[in-house]
Protein backbone atom coordinates (compact mmCIF):
# COMPACT_ATOMS: atom_id res chain seq x y z
CA MET A 1 0.00 0.00 0.00
CA ARG A 2 2.87 2.40 0.74
CA GLY A 3 4.24 1.88 -2.79
CA LEU A 4 0.78 2.48 -4.23
CA PHE A 5 0.43 5.73 -2.27
CA ILE A 6 3.82 6.96 -3.48
CA ALA A 7 2.92 6.12 -7.09
CA CYS A 8 -0.37 8.03 -6.80
CA LEU A 9 1.36 10.98 -5.17
CA LEU A 10 3.98 11.14 -7.90
CA MET A 11 1.31 11.00 -10.58
CA VAL A 12 -0.73 13.86 -9.15
CA THR A 13 2.21 16.14 -8.37
CA THR A 14 3.84 15.48 -11.72
CA SER A 15 0.59 16.24 -13.50
CA CYS A 16 0.61 19.75 -12.11
CA PHE A 17 3.80 20.61 -13.99
CA THR A 18 3.99 18.23 -16.96
CA GLN A 19 1.85 15.60 -18.65
CA ALA A 20 0.19 13.20 -16.22
CA LEU A 21 2.07 9.92 -15.97
CA ILE A 22 0.97 6.30 -15.84
CA ALA A 23 2.71 4.26 -13.15
CA ARG A 24 3.60 0.65 -13.89
CA SER A 25 4.36 -1.65 -10.95
CA SER A 26 6.31 -4.73 -12.02
CA LEU A 27 8.39 -7.13 -9.94
CA GLY A 28 8.75 -4.62 -7.12
CA ALA A 29 9.82 -1.68 -9.32
CA THR A 30 7.81 1.33 -10.51
CA THR A 31 8.31 3.02 -13.86
CA PHE A 32 6.37 5.81 -15.55
CA TYR A 33 4.92 6.32 -19.02
CA THR A 34 3.07 9.05 -20.87
CA THR A 35 0.65 6.85 -22.87
CA LEU A 36 -1.34 3.73 -22.11
CA ASN A 37 -0.01 2.08 -25.26
CA SER A 38 3.62 2.52 -24.22
CA ALA A 39 2.89 1.33 -20.68
CA TYR A 40 0.98 -1.67 -21.99
CA SER A 41 3.75 -2.61 -24.42
CA ALA A 42 6.23 -2.72 -21.53
CA CYS A 43 3.99 -4.85 -19.30
CA ILE A 44 4.41 -8.50 -18.49
CA ASN A 45 1.73 -10.76 -17.04
CA GLY A 46 0.89 -9.83 -13.46
CA ASP A 47 1.84 -6.14 -13.72
CA THR A 48 -0.30 -3.34 -12.31
CA LEU A 49 -0.96 -0.02 -14.02
CA TYR A 50 -2.14 3.10 -12.18
CA LEU A 51 -3.74 5.62 -14.53
CA PRO A 52 -4.20 9.27 -13.53
CA GLY A 53 -7.16 11.36 -14.59
CA GLY A 54 -7.35 11.94 -18.34
CA ALA A 55 -8.28 10.18 -21.57
CA PHE A 56 -6.09 7.29 -22.75
CA GLU A 57 -6.20 5.41 -26.02
CA ALA A 58 -6.46 1.65 -25.48
CA PRO A 59 -4.08 -0.78 -27.16
CA SER A 60 -5.52 -2.60 -30.16
CA GLN A 61 -6.38 -5.41 -27.75
CA PHE A 62 -5.69 -6.38 -24.14
CA ILE A 63 -4.07 -9.84 -24.24
CA LYS A 64 -2.04 -9.77 -21.02
CA ARG A 65 -3.00 -10.53 -17.40
CA LEU A 66 -2.95 -7.05 -15.88
CA HIS A 67 -4.56 -5.08 -13.08
CA ILE A 68 -5.48 -1.58 -14.18
CA PHE A 69 -6.57 1.11 -11.70
CA GLY A 70 -7.96 4.47 -12.72
CA ALA A 71 -8.39 7.61 -10.63
CA GLY A 72 -12.17 7.16 -10.72
CA ALA A 73 -14.91 6.73 -13.29
CA LYS A 74 -17.15 9.64 -12.32
CA ILE A 75 -15.95 13.17 -12.91
CA ASP A 76 -17.99 14.60 -10.00
CA SER A 77 -16.13 12.29 -7.59
CA SER A 78 -12.70 12.87 -9.13
CA ILE A 79 -12.58 16.66 -9.29
CA ALA A 80 -9.05 16.85 -7.89
CA THR A 81 -7.59 14.52 -10.53
CA GLY A 82 -10.20 14.25 -13.26
CA ASN A 83 -11.75 10.90 -14.08
CA THR A 84 -9.92 8.22 -16.05
CA LYS A 85 -11.25 7.46 -19.53
CA ILE A 86 -10.17 4.68 -21.86
CA PHE A 87 -11.20 4.99 -25.50
CA THR A 88 -10.37 3.38 -28.82
CA LEU A 89 -9.89 4.70 -32.32
CA GLY A 90 -11.53 1.49 -33.55
CA THR A 91 -15.05 0.27 -32.90
CA GLU A 92 -14.64 -1.35 -29.49
CA ILE A 93 -12.24 -1.90 -26.61
CA LYS A 94 -11.10 -5.51 -26.99
CA ILE A 95 -10.11 -7.86 -24.17
CA ASN A 96 -8.96 -11.07 -25.79
CA THR A 97 -7.29 -14.43 -25.13
CA GLY A 98 -4.38 -14.00 -22.75
CA ALA A 99 -6.19 -11.51 -20.49
CA ALA A 100 -7.75 -14.06 -18.12
CA PHE A 101 -7.56 -13.08 -14.43
CA SER A 102 -7.22 -9.38 -15.29
CA SER A 103 -9.03 -6.61 -13.44
CA PHE A 104 -10.17 -3.08 -14.29
CA GLU A 105 -11.15 -0.58 -11.61
CA GLY A 106 -12.08 3.09 -11.44
CA ILE A 107 -12.36 3.55 -15.21
CA TYR A 108 -14.84 5.22 -17.54
CA PHE A 109 -15.01 3.22 -20.78
CA ASP A 110 -15.73 5.67 -23.61
CA ASP A 111 -16.46 2.94 -26.17
CA PRO A 112 -18.10 -0.50 -26.15
CA VAL A 113 -16.17 -3.24 -24.33
CA VAL A 114 -16.07 -6.77 -25.71
CA ILE A 115 -14.40 -9.74 -24.02
CA GLY A 116 -13.45 -12.06 -26.86
CA SER A 117 -13.91 -9.98 -30.01
CA THR A 118 -13.65 -12.93 -32.43
CA ALA A 119 -14.27 -16.65 -32.21
CA ALA A 120 -10.51 -17.19 -32.40
CA LEU A 121 -9.81 -14.81 -29.53
CA ASP A 122 -12.46 -15.71 -26.93
CA ASN A 123 -10.99 -18.92 -25.52
CA ASP A 124 -9.59 -19.16 -21.97
CA LEU A 125 -11.16 -15.83 -21.02
CA ASN A 126 -12.27 -16.15 -17.45
CA ASN A 127 -12.05 -14.55 -14.01
CA ILE A 128 -11.95 -10.98 -15.30
CA VAL A 129 -13.17 -8.37 -12.81
CA PHE A 130 -14.66 -4.93 -13.43
CA LYS A 131 -15.10 -2.85 -10.29
CA SER A 132 -16.24 0.76 -9.83
CA CYS A 133 -16.35 1.28 -13.60
CA ASP A 134 -18.76 3.21 -15.79
CA PHE A 135 -19.38 1.81 -19.25
CA GLY A 136 -20.57 5.19 -20.48
CA GLY A 137 -23.82 4.14 -22.11
CA HIS A 138 -22.04 1.56 -24.26
CA GLU A 139 -22.46 -2.20 -24.57
CA LEU A 140 -20.59 -4.73 -22.45
CA LYS A 141 -20.39 -7.95 -24.45
CA PHE A 142 -19.00 -11.39 -23.62
CA GLY A 143 -17.73 -13.18 -26.72
CA ALA A 144 -18.32 -13.23 -30.45
CA THR A 145 -20.42 -16.40 -30.56
CA ILE A 146 -23.43 -17.87 -28.75
CA PRO A 147 -22.93 -19.81 -26.56
CA SER A 148 -19.77 -17.98 -25.54
CA PRO A 149 -16.82 -19.81 -23.97
CA VAL A 150 -16.19 -16.70 -21.85
CA ASN A 151 -17.01 -17.43 -18.20
CA ASN A 152 -16.62 -16.32 -14.59
CA ILE A 153 -16.76 -12.57 -15.23
CA SER A 154 -17.42 -10.33 -12.20
CA VAL A 155 -19.07 -6.90 -12.41
CA ILE A 156 -19.05 -5.07 -9.06
CA ASN A 157 -20.27 -1.53 -8.26
CA CYS A 158 -20.47 -0.65 -11.94
CA ILE A 159 -22.77 1.37 -14.19
CA VAL A 160 -23.65 -0.59 -17.32
CA SER A 161 -25.86 0.13 -20.28
CA THR A 162 -26.64 -2.92 -22.42
CA LEU A 163 -25.28 -6.26 -21.20
CA SER A 164 -24.95 -8.87 -23.94
CA ALA A 165 -23.79 -11.95 -22.05
CA GLN A 166 -23.88 -14.32 -25.04
CA LYS A 167 -24.77 -17.23 -22.67
CA ALA A 168 -21.46 -16.81 -20.85
CA GLU A 169 -21.77 -18.89 -17.68
CA ASN A 170 -21.01 -18.43 -13.99
CA CYS A 171 -20.85 -14.64 -14.14
CA VAL A 172 -21.74 -12.46 -11.15
CA TYR A 173 -23.12 -8.94 -10.98
CA TYR A 174 -22.99 -7.31 -7.56
CA ASN A 175 -24.42 -3.92 -6.58
CA SER A 176 -24.45 -2.59 -10.12
CA ILE A 177 -26.86 -0.43 -12.12
CA PHE A 178 -28.02 -1.62 -15.55
CA TYR A 179 -29.71 1.11 -17.59
CA GLY A 180 -30.11 -0.90 -20.79
CA ILE A 181 -31.34 -4.36 -21.70
CA VAL A 182 -29.80 -7.34 -19.90
CA TYR A 183 -29.92 -10.43 -22.06
CA ASN A 184 -28.52 -13.89 -22.71
CA THR A 185 -27.12 -14.59 -19.24
CA LYS A 186 -26.86 -18.24 -18.23
CA ASN A 187 -26.17 -19.95 -14.89
CA SER A 188 -25.28 -16.54 -13.50
CA PHE A 189 -26.09 -14.39 -10.48
CA PHE A 190 -27.33 -10.84 -9.91
CA LYS A 191 -27.27 -9.59 -6.32
CA ASN A 192 -28.28 -6.19 -4.95
CA SER A 193 -28.41 -4.75 -8.44
CA LEU A 194 -30.83 -2.45 -10.26
CA LEU A 195 -32.11 -3.60 -13.63
CA LEU A 196 -33.84 -0.49 -14.94
CA ASN A 197 -34.83 -1.77 -18.38
CA SER A 198 -35.86 -5.26 -19.43
CA GLN A 199 -34.37 -8.73 -19.04
CA GLN A 200 -34.51 -10.98 -22.07
CA PHE A 201 -33.61 -14.60 -22.81
CA ASN A 202 -31.79 -15.22 -19.55
CA GLU A 203 -31.53 -18.82 -18.43
CA ASN A 204 -30.95 -20.45 -15.04
CA THR A 205 -30.03 -17.06 -13.60
CA THR A 206 -30.65 -15.95 -10.01
CA TYR A 207 -31.74 -12.43 -9.07
CA GLU A 208 -31.34 -11.83 -5.33
CA ASN A 209 -32.14 -8.60 -3.47
CA CYS A 210 -32.54 -6.79 -6.79
CA TYR A 211 -34.94 -4.25 -8.26
CA LEU A 212 -36.30 -5.12 -11.71
CA ALA A 213 -38.17 -2.48 -13.69
CA GLY A 214 -39.10 -4.70 -16.64
CA LEU A 215 -41.51 -7.61 -16.97
CA ALA A 216 -39.79 -9.94 -14.53
CA GLY A 217 -39.39 -13.38 -16.03
CA PHE A 218 -41.43 -12.65 -19.15
CA TYR A 219 -38.60 -13.57 -21.52
CA ASP A 220 -36.56 -15.64 -19.03
CA THR A 221 -36.55 -19.38 -18.42
CA TYR A 222 -35.72 -21.34 -15.25
CA CYS A 223 -34.73 -18.19 -13.38
CA TYR A 224 -34.98 -17.62 -9.64
CA PHE A 225 -36.14 -14.31 -8.14
CA LEU A 226 -35.44 -14.06 -4.41
CA ASN A 227 -36.36 -11.09 -2.18
CA CYS A 228 -36.64 -8.78 -5.17
CA ILE A 229 -38.68 -5.64 -5.72
CA LEU A 230 -40.50 -6.16 -8.99
CA ALA A 231 -42.22 -3.42 -10.94
CA SER A 232 -44.21 -6.07 -12.78
CA CYS A 233 -44.68 -9.49 -11.19
CA CYS A 234 -44.59 -12.35 -12.16
CA ASN A 235 -44.17 -14.14 -15.46
CA GLY A 236 -42.90 -17.35 -17.00
CA PRO A 237 -44.09 -20.82 -15.99
CA THR A 238 -40.54 -22.11 -15.48
CA ASN A 239 -39.44 -19.26 -13.21
CA ASN A 240 -39.55 -19.23 -9.43
CA PHE A 241 -40.48 -16.13 -7.39
CA VAL A 242 -39.83 -16.16 -3.63
CA ASN A 243 -40.57 -13.36 -1.14
CA THR A 244 -41.48 -10.79 -3.76
CA ILE A 245 -41.47 -7.26 -2.29
CA ASN A 246 -43.90 -4.54 -3.29
CA CYS A 247 -43.58 -0.84 -2.46
CA SER A 248 -44.44 2.49 -4.03
CA PRO A 249 -42.58 4.74 -4.35
CA VAL A 250 -39.51 2.52 -4.47
CA PHE A 251 -36.69 5.08 -4.45
CA THR A 252 -35.83 8.52 -3.23
CA VAL A 253 -35.52 11.08 -5.99
CA THR A 254 -31.86 11.05 -7.01
CA ASP A 255 -29.66 8.35 -5.52
CA TYR A 256 -31.58 5.06 -5.54
CA HIS A 257 -31.85 4.85 -1.77
CA LEU A 258 -35.10 3.06 -0.91
CA ALA A 259 -37.96 5.39 -0.01
CA ALA A 260 -39.14 5.56 3.58
CA GLY A 261 -41.60 2.79 4.33
CA CYS A 262 -40.48 0.51 1.50
CA ALA A 263 -40.48 -3.11 2.64
CA GLY A 264 -37.12 -3.55 0.92
CA ILE A 265 -35.41 -1.65 3.74
CA ASN A 266 -33.61 -4.40 5.69
CA GLY A 267 -35.61 -6.75 3.49
CA GLY A 268 -32.74 -8.53 1.75
CA THR A 269 -31.83 -12.15 2.34
CA ASP A 270 -28.96 -11.00 4.59
CA GLY A 271 -31.00 -8.44 6.53
CA THR A 272 -29.60 -5.45 4.66
CA ASP A 273 -31.48 -3.34 2.11
CA VAL A 274 -32.65 -4.62 -1.22
CA GLY A 275 -30.80 -2.74 -3.96
CA ILE A 276 -27.35 -1.30 -4.36
CA TYR A 277 -26.86 -0.12 -0.76
CA GLY A 278 -27.22 -3.59 0.75
CA GLY A 279 -25.13 -6.73 0.61
CA ALA A 280 -21.40 -7.27 0.82
CA PHE A 281 -20.47 -4.66 -1.82
CA ALA A 282 -22.59 -1.69 -0.74
CA TRP A 283 -22.62 1.15 -3.24
CA LYS A 284 -20.27 4.06 -2.58
CA GLY A 285 -21.30 7.48 -3.83
CA GLY A 286 -19.37 8.28 -6.99
CA ILE A 287 -18.25 4.61 -7.31
CA ILE A 288 -14.84 5.56 -5.92
CA PRO A 289 -12.22 2.82 -6.56
CA THR A 290 -10.40 0.99 -3.78
CA ASN A 291 -6.97 2.49 -4.47
CA PRO A 292 -6.14 5.61 -2.39
CA HIS A 293 -8.31 8.41 -3.73
CA ILE A 294 -7.02 11.96 -4.08
CA SER A 295 -9.98 14.11 -3.03
CA PHE A 296 -8.21 17.48 -2.84
CA LYS A 297 -5.02 19.07 -4.15
CA LEU A 298 -3.62 22.57 -4.00
CA ILE A 299 -0.23 23.02 -5.64
CA PRO A 300 0.86 26.57 -6.56
CA ASP A 301 2.19 27.42 -10.00
CA VAL A 302 5.17 29.33 -8.55
CA SER A 303 7.46 28.78 -5.59
CA ASN A 304 7.37 30.85 -2.41
CA SER A 305 10.05 33.28 -1.24
CA GLU A 306 12.14 30.36 0.03
CA GLY A 307 12.11 28.67 -3.35
CA THR A 308 9.85 25.82 -2.22
CA PHE A 309 6.28 24.80 -3.00
CA ASP A 310 3.54 24.59 -0.36
CA VAL A 311 1.81 21.39 -1.47
CA ASN A 312 -1.55 20.44 0.05
CA ILE A 313 -2.91 17.04 -0.98
CA LYS A 314 -5.68 15.07 0.73
CA VAL A 315 -5.76 11.33 0.09
CA ASN A 316 -8.61 9.15 1.34
CA ALA A 317 -8.02 5.46 1.98
CA GLN A 318 -10.82 3.14 0.89
CA ASP A 319 -12.33 0.26 2.86
CA ASN A 320 -12.95 -2.03 -0.13
């Protein structure tokens, strides 16, 4: 953690005078780069990259096992540093064979993200984690074929538009917000998430402590709905609905906290709230990542009379 703090401090102070730098941690040593492409080219499997605020062009494809931390996905929670954006000059950000066991955290994806962009590049893609990321209104897609060999993907504390799971199996979605259609999940698990559009063609999927705005189960088969708040209940002869919760209004105005009097308050299977503020991965305002977060900085443009700089930086440690 001390090395991580120093890397973050160097990035923010350097950015005040020159171009913000990307820190690469590899085999106990830290080196710095000006572009994501140059940092990625230097990486070996197992390396960690710390990206400052700013927009960074993605490599043509991610095919290494890396852990990539941004300064935060939401600009309103990353005012001191700016949020971290990854974009592509192509059509989509590609995570392909070789990137199994990678993780991405605190990043705003400015283009669609596909795990396994072709049938030749979607094998052995598993155990990839997205945490505290915003997919920027773009699609998150698992594989180029149906059924997809992609599996064991984790999405935690993220904002997602359309999820095209391509029948990828054993995926988990914790405390996330889905604004678009969620379809083609299989043998997967949603917990304490908000599905604000419709769910279509999902199979053997469990929804626990969730809110579903669409026709729950209408297009799904053999799905299990447990302690969920459903806007429209209940459909599908093969689906199972247990402890359905009804309340109106469901949410407060702006932040998806449950409204006073809603039976979903402490109504989850674990005794916490239904929705994103309950469960083991409770939602943090601004989806702040787990790496030390720079919440304030004041660094003058010129030195004082003694030839030094009075630097004031506030760094908040994160619990998870």
